[in-house]
N, C-alpha and C. Protein backbone atom coordinates (compact mmCIF):
# COMPACT_ATOMS: atom_id res chain seq x y z
N MET A 1 135.74 97.58 225.82
CA MET A 1 136.81 97.26 226.25
C MET A 1 137.32 96.09 225.04
N SER A 2 136.63 95.65 224.07
CA SER A 2 137.12 94.80 223.62
C SER A 2 138.03 94.47 222.60
N THR A 3 138.21 95.90 222.25
CA THR A 3 139.50 96.12 221.29
C THR A 3 140.98 96.09 222.44
N PHE A 4 140.91 96.47 223.34
CA PHE A 4 141.95 96.15 224.48
C PHE A 4 142.37 94.22 224.55
N VAL A 5 141.03 93.91 224.25
CA VAL A 5 141.46 92.28 224.55
C VAL A 5 142.23 91.63 223.37
N ARG A 6 141.61 92.29 222.27
CA ARG A 6 142.18 92.03 220.78
C ARG A 6 143.30 92.39 220.30
N LYS A 7 143.62 93.77 220.50
CA LYS A 7 144.50 94.17 220.13
C LYS A 7 145.26 95.05 221.14
N PRO A 8 145.96 95.07 221.96
CA PRO A 8 146.06 95.91 223.68
C PRO A 8 147.25 96.66 222.49
N SER A 9 147.12 98.23 223.31
CA SER A 9 147.81 99.62 222.97
C SER A 9 147.77 99.91 224.36
N VAL A 10 149.42 100.54 224.33
CA VAL A 10 149.87 101.16 225.52
C VAL A 10 148.99 102.38 225.30
N VAL A 11 148.84 103.49 223.95
CA VAL A 11 148.01 104.57 223.97
C VAL A 11 147.10 104.61 224.49
N ALA A 12 145.96 103.47 223.73
CA ALA A 12 144.73 103.20 224.35
C ALA A 12 144.53 103.14 226.08
N TRP A 13 145.65 102.08 226.85
CA TRP A 13 145.09 102.07 227.96
C TRP A 13 145.56 103.70 228.69
N LEU A 14 146.36 104.09 228.13
CA LEU A 14 146.95 105.46 228.95
C LEU A 14 145.97 106.59 228.72
N PHE A 15 145.09 106.78 227.71
CA PHE A 15 143.92 107.65 227.40
C PHE A 15 143.25 107.13 228.26
N ALA A 16 142.62 105.87 228.49
CA ALA A 16 141.91 105.24 229.28
C ALA A 16 141.69 105.29 231.00
N LEU A 17 143.48 105.79 231.32
CA LEU A 17 143.82 105.74 232.39
C LEU A 17 143.79 107.73 232.61
N SER A 18 143.77 108.47 231.48
CA SER A 18 143.72 109.71 231.65
C SER A 18 142.19 110.14 232.07
N TYR A 19 141.72 109.54 231.51
CA TYR A 19 140.31 110.53 231.44
C TYR A 19 139.54 109.92 232.90
N GLU A 20 140.10 108.28 232.87
CA GLU A 20 139.63 108.35 234.59
C GLU A 20 140.14 109.01 236.09
N MET A 21 141.35 109.14 235.23
CA MET A 21 142.14 110.60 236.52
C MET A 21 141.62 112.01 236.22
N SER A 22 141.06 112.31 235.08
CA SER A 22 140.56 113.92 235.15
C SER A 22 138.81 114.20 235.43
N LYS A 23 138.36 112.78 235.41
CA LYS A 23 137.07 112.62 236.28
C LYS A 23 137.40 112.35 237.47
N ASP A 24 138.13 112.62 238.20
CA ASP A 24 138.47 111.89 239.48
C ASP A 24 137.92 110.82 239.74
N GLY A 25 138.05 109.82 238.75
CA GLY A 25 137.88 108.25 238.97
C GLY A 25 138.33 107.83 240.46
N SER A 26 137.77 106.46 241.11
CA SER A 26 138.03 106.21 242.13
C SER A 26 139.44 105.55 242.25
N HIS A 27 140.05 105.47 243.18
CA HIS A 27 141.68 104.94 243.39
C HIS A 27 141.43 103.70 243.04
N HIS A 28 140.26 102.82 243.54
CA HIS A 28 140.18 101.21 243.54
C HIS A 28 139.98 101.27 241.65
N ARG A 29 139.25 102.32 241.21
CA ARG A 29 139.17 101.78 239.51
C ARG A 29 140.79 102.13 239.01
N ILE A 30 141.00 103.07 238.96
CA ILE A 30 142.10 103.22 238.48
C ILE A 30 143.19 102.25 238.50
N ARG A 31 143.73 102.08 239.67
CA ARG A 31 144.25 101.08 240.06
C ARG A 31 144.24 99.51 239.33
N GLY A 32 142.60 99.23 239.24
CA GLY A 32 142.31 98.17 238.30
C GLY A 32 142.86 98.40 237.06
N LEU A 33 142.49 99.36 236.31
CA LEU A 33 142.74 99.85 235.08
C LEU A 33 144.24 99.61 234.94
N PHE A 34 145.28 99.91 235.89
CA PHE A 34 146.73 100.09 235.86
C PHE A 34 147.18 98.24 235.61
N GLU A 35 146.55 97.84 237.10
CA GLU A 35 146.87 96.08 236.67
C GLU A 35 146.24 95.11 235.81
N ARG A 36 144.98 95.91 235.34
CA ARG A 36 144.82 95.16 234.03
C ARG A 36 145.93 95.30 232.49
N ALA A 37 146.32 96.69 232.44
CA ALA A 37 147.48 96.77 231.84
C ALA A 37 148.33 96.13 231.83
N VAL A 38 149.01 95.89 233.14
CA VAL A 38 150.28 95.35 233.26
C VAL A 38 150.35 94.08 233.45
N SER A 39 149.54 93.39 233.57
CA SER A 39 148.97 92.10 233.61
C SER A 39 148.80 91.44 231.83
N ASN A 40 148.53 92.23 230.77
CA ASN A 40 148.38 92.08 229.70
C ASN A 40 149.96 91.35 229.14
N ASP A 41 149.85 90.24 228.82
CA ASP A 41 151.25 89.50 228.11
C ASP A 41 152.04 90.68 226.97
N MET A 42 151.37 91.41 226.26
CA MET A 42 152.08 91.96 225.15
C MET A 42 152.01 93.30 225.90
N LEU A 43 151.87 93.61 227.20
CA LEU A 43 152.11 94.79 227.46
C LEU A 43 152.77 95.01 228.83
N CYS A 44 153.15 93.98 229.37
CA CYS A 44 153.63 94.14 230.94
C CYS A 44 155.12 94.54 230.64
N SER A 45 155.76 94.60 229.47
CA SER A 45 156.97 95.13 229.59
C SER A 45 157.41 96.74 229.16
N SER A 46 156.02 97.09 229.21
CA SER A 46 155.95 98.65 228.65
C SER A 46 156.35 99.68 230.06
N VAL A 47 157.78 100.07 229.69
CA VAL A 47 158.09 101.32 231.04
C VAL A 47 157.56 102.49 231.09
N VAL A 48 156.73 102.59 230.05
CA VAL A 48 155.99 103.89 230.39
C VAL A 48 154.66 103.53 230.94
N LEU A 49 153.93 102.10 231.07
CA LEU A 49 153.09 102.25 231.85
C LEU A 49 153.40 101.96 233.44
N TRP A 50 154.24 101.48 233.55
CA TRP A 50 155.26 101.12 235.10
C TRP A 50 155.32 102.41 235.50
N ARG A 51 156.06 103.25 234.66
CA ARG A 51 156.42 104.64 235.27
C ARG A 51 155.64 105.73 235.62
N CYS A 52 154.17 105.25 235.09
CA CYS A 52 152.83 105.93 235.36
C CYS A 52 152.15 105.55 236.14
N TYR A 53 152.32 103.99 236.47
CA TYR A 53 151.52 103.45 237.76
C TYR A 53 152.24 103.79 238.81
N ILE A 54 153.85 104.14 238.76
CA ILE A 54 154.26 104.07 240.09
C ILE A 54 154.21 106.03 240.27
N GLY A 55 154.22 106.89 239.21
CA GLY A 55 153.75 108.19 239.61
C GLY A 55 152.54 108.29 240.10
N TYR A 56 151.48 107.91 239.63
CA TYR A 56 150.00 107.74 240.11
C TYR A 56 150.43 107.49 241.86
N GLU A 57 151.06 106.24 242.10
CA GLU A 57 150.97 105.82 243.47
C GLU A 57 151.59 106.87 244.19
N LEU A 58 152.74 107.38 243.98
CA LEU A 58 153.30 108.53 244.88
C LEU A 58 152.31 109.95 244.59
N ASN A 59 152.31 110.50 243.31
CA ASN A 59 151.55 111.94 243.31
C ASN A 59 150.05 111.87 243.64
N ILE A 60 149.62 110.91 243.08
CA ILE A 60 148.07 111.39 242.94
C ILE A 60 147.20 110.31 244.32
N ALA A 61 147.36 109.29 244.42
CA ALA A 61 147.09 108.29 245.76
C ALA A 61 148.08 108.98 247.04
N HIS A 62 149.48 109.16 246.92
CA HIS A 62 150.29 109.52 248.13
C HIS A 62 150.40 108.32 249.06
N ASP A 63 150.86 107.22 248.38
CA ASP A 63 150.95 105.88 248.74
C ASP A 63 152.34 105.51 248.20
N PRO A 64 153.87 106.05 248.95
CA PRO A 64 155.10 105.12 248.66
C PRO A 64 155.01 103.79 248.93
N SER A 65 154.40 103.38 249.75
CA SER A 65 154.79 101.80 250.23
C SER A 65 154.11 100.94 249.11
N ALA A 66 152.68 101.64 248.09
CA ALA A 66 152.43 100.87 247.12
C ALA A 66 153.21 101.18 245.92
N ALA A 67 153.87 102.39 245.86
CA ALA A 67 154.51 102.40 245.19
C ALA A 67 156.20 101.83 244.75
N ARG A 68 156.75 101.63 246.18
CA ARG A 68 157.99 100.66 245.94
C ARG A 68 157.56 99.62 245.35
N ARG A 69 156.31 98.68 246.08
CA ARG A 69 156.12 97.64 245.17
C ARG A 69 155.37 97.66 244.08
N ILE A 70 155.25 98.38 243.26
CA ILE A 70 155.05 98.79 242.04
C ILE A 70 156.56 98.65 241.31
N PHE A 71 157.20 99.42 241.82
CA PHE A 71 158.96 99.55 241.55
C PHE A 71 159.39 98.10 241.14
N PHE A 72 159.19 97.21 242.39
CA PHE A 72 160.09 96.19 242.26
C PHE A 72 159.01 95.04 241.39
N ARG A 73 158.27 95.35 240.93
CA ARG A 73 157.51 94.57 240.09
C ARG A 73 157.73 95.02 238.91
N ALA A 74 158.14 96.15 238.42
CA ALA A 74 158.28 96.79 237.15
C ALA A 74 159.58 96.15 236.83
N ILE A 75 160.57 96.48 238.06
CA ILE A 75 162.12 95.92 237.62
C ILE A 75 162.11 94.63 237.16
N HIS A 76 161.21 93.65 237.74
CA HIS A 76 160.95 92.10 237.40
C HIS A 76 160.46 91.67 236.40
N ALA A 77 159.51 92.83 235.80
CA ALA A 77 158.83 92.57 234.32
C ALA A 77 159.92 92.98 233.68
N CYS A 78 160.67 94.57 233.48
CA CYS A 78 161.64 95.39 232.68
C CYS A 78 162.78 95.12 233.05
N PRO A 79 163.96 94.23 233.05
CA PRO A 79 164.78 94.21 233.79
C PRO A 79 166.14 94.99 232.98
N TRP A 80 165.84 95.27 231.94
CA TRP A 80 166.95 96.15 231.07
C TRP A 80 166.75 97.52 231.74
């Protein structure tokens, strides 16, 4: 993961997330990856990451209240 620290890339994070989801990774681990990605200063305004995070909570984790919280965080991070 040293590549993520030096030069963060939305594509690299999405690849890591899709890999974890494809092998039925734990919800805790997947949420941790999403949180690390959106907490990065260079990636926090990535609409794609936020949309994927919201979609994950709604469609895979089936947690609408978590999706709602993430939605409002995304609005704050990407006001446009």
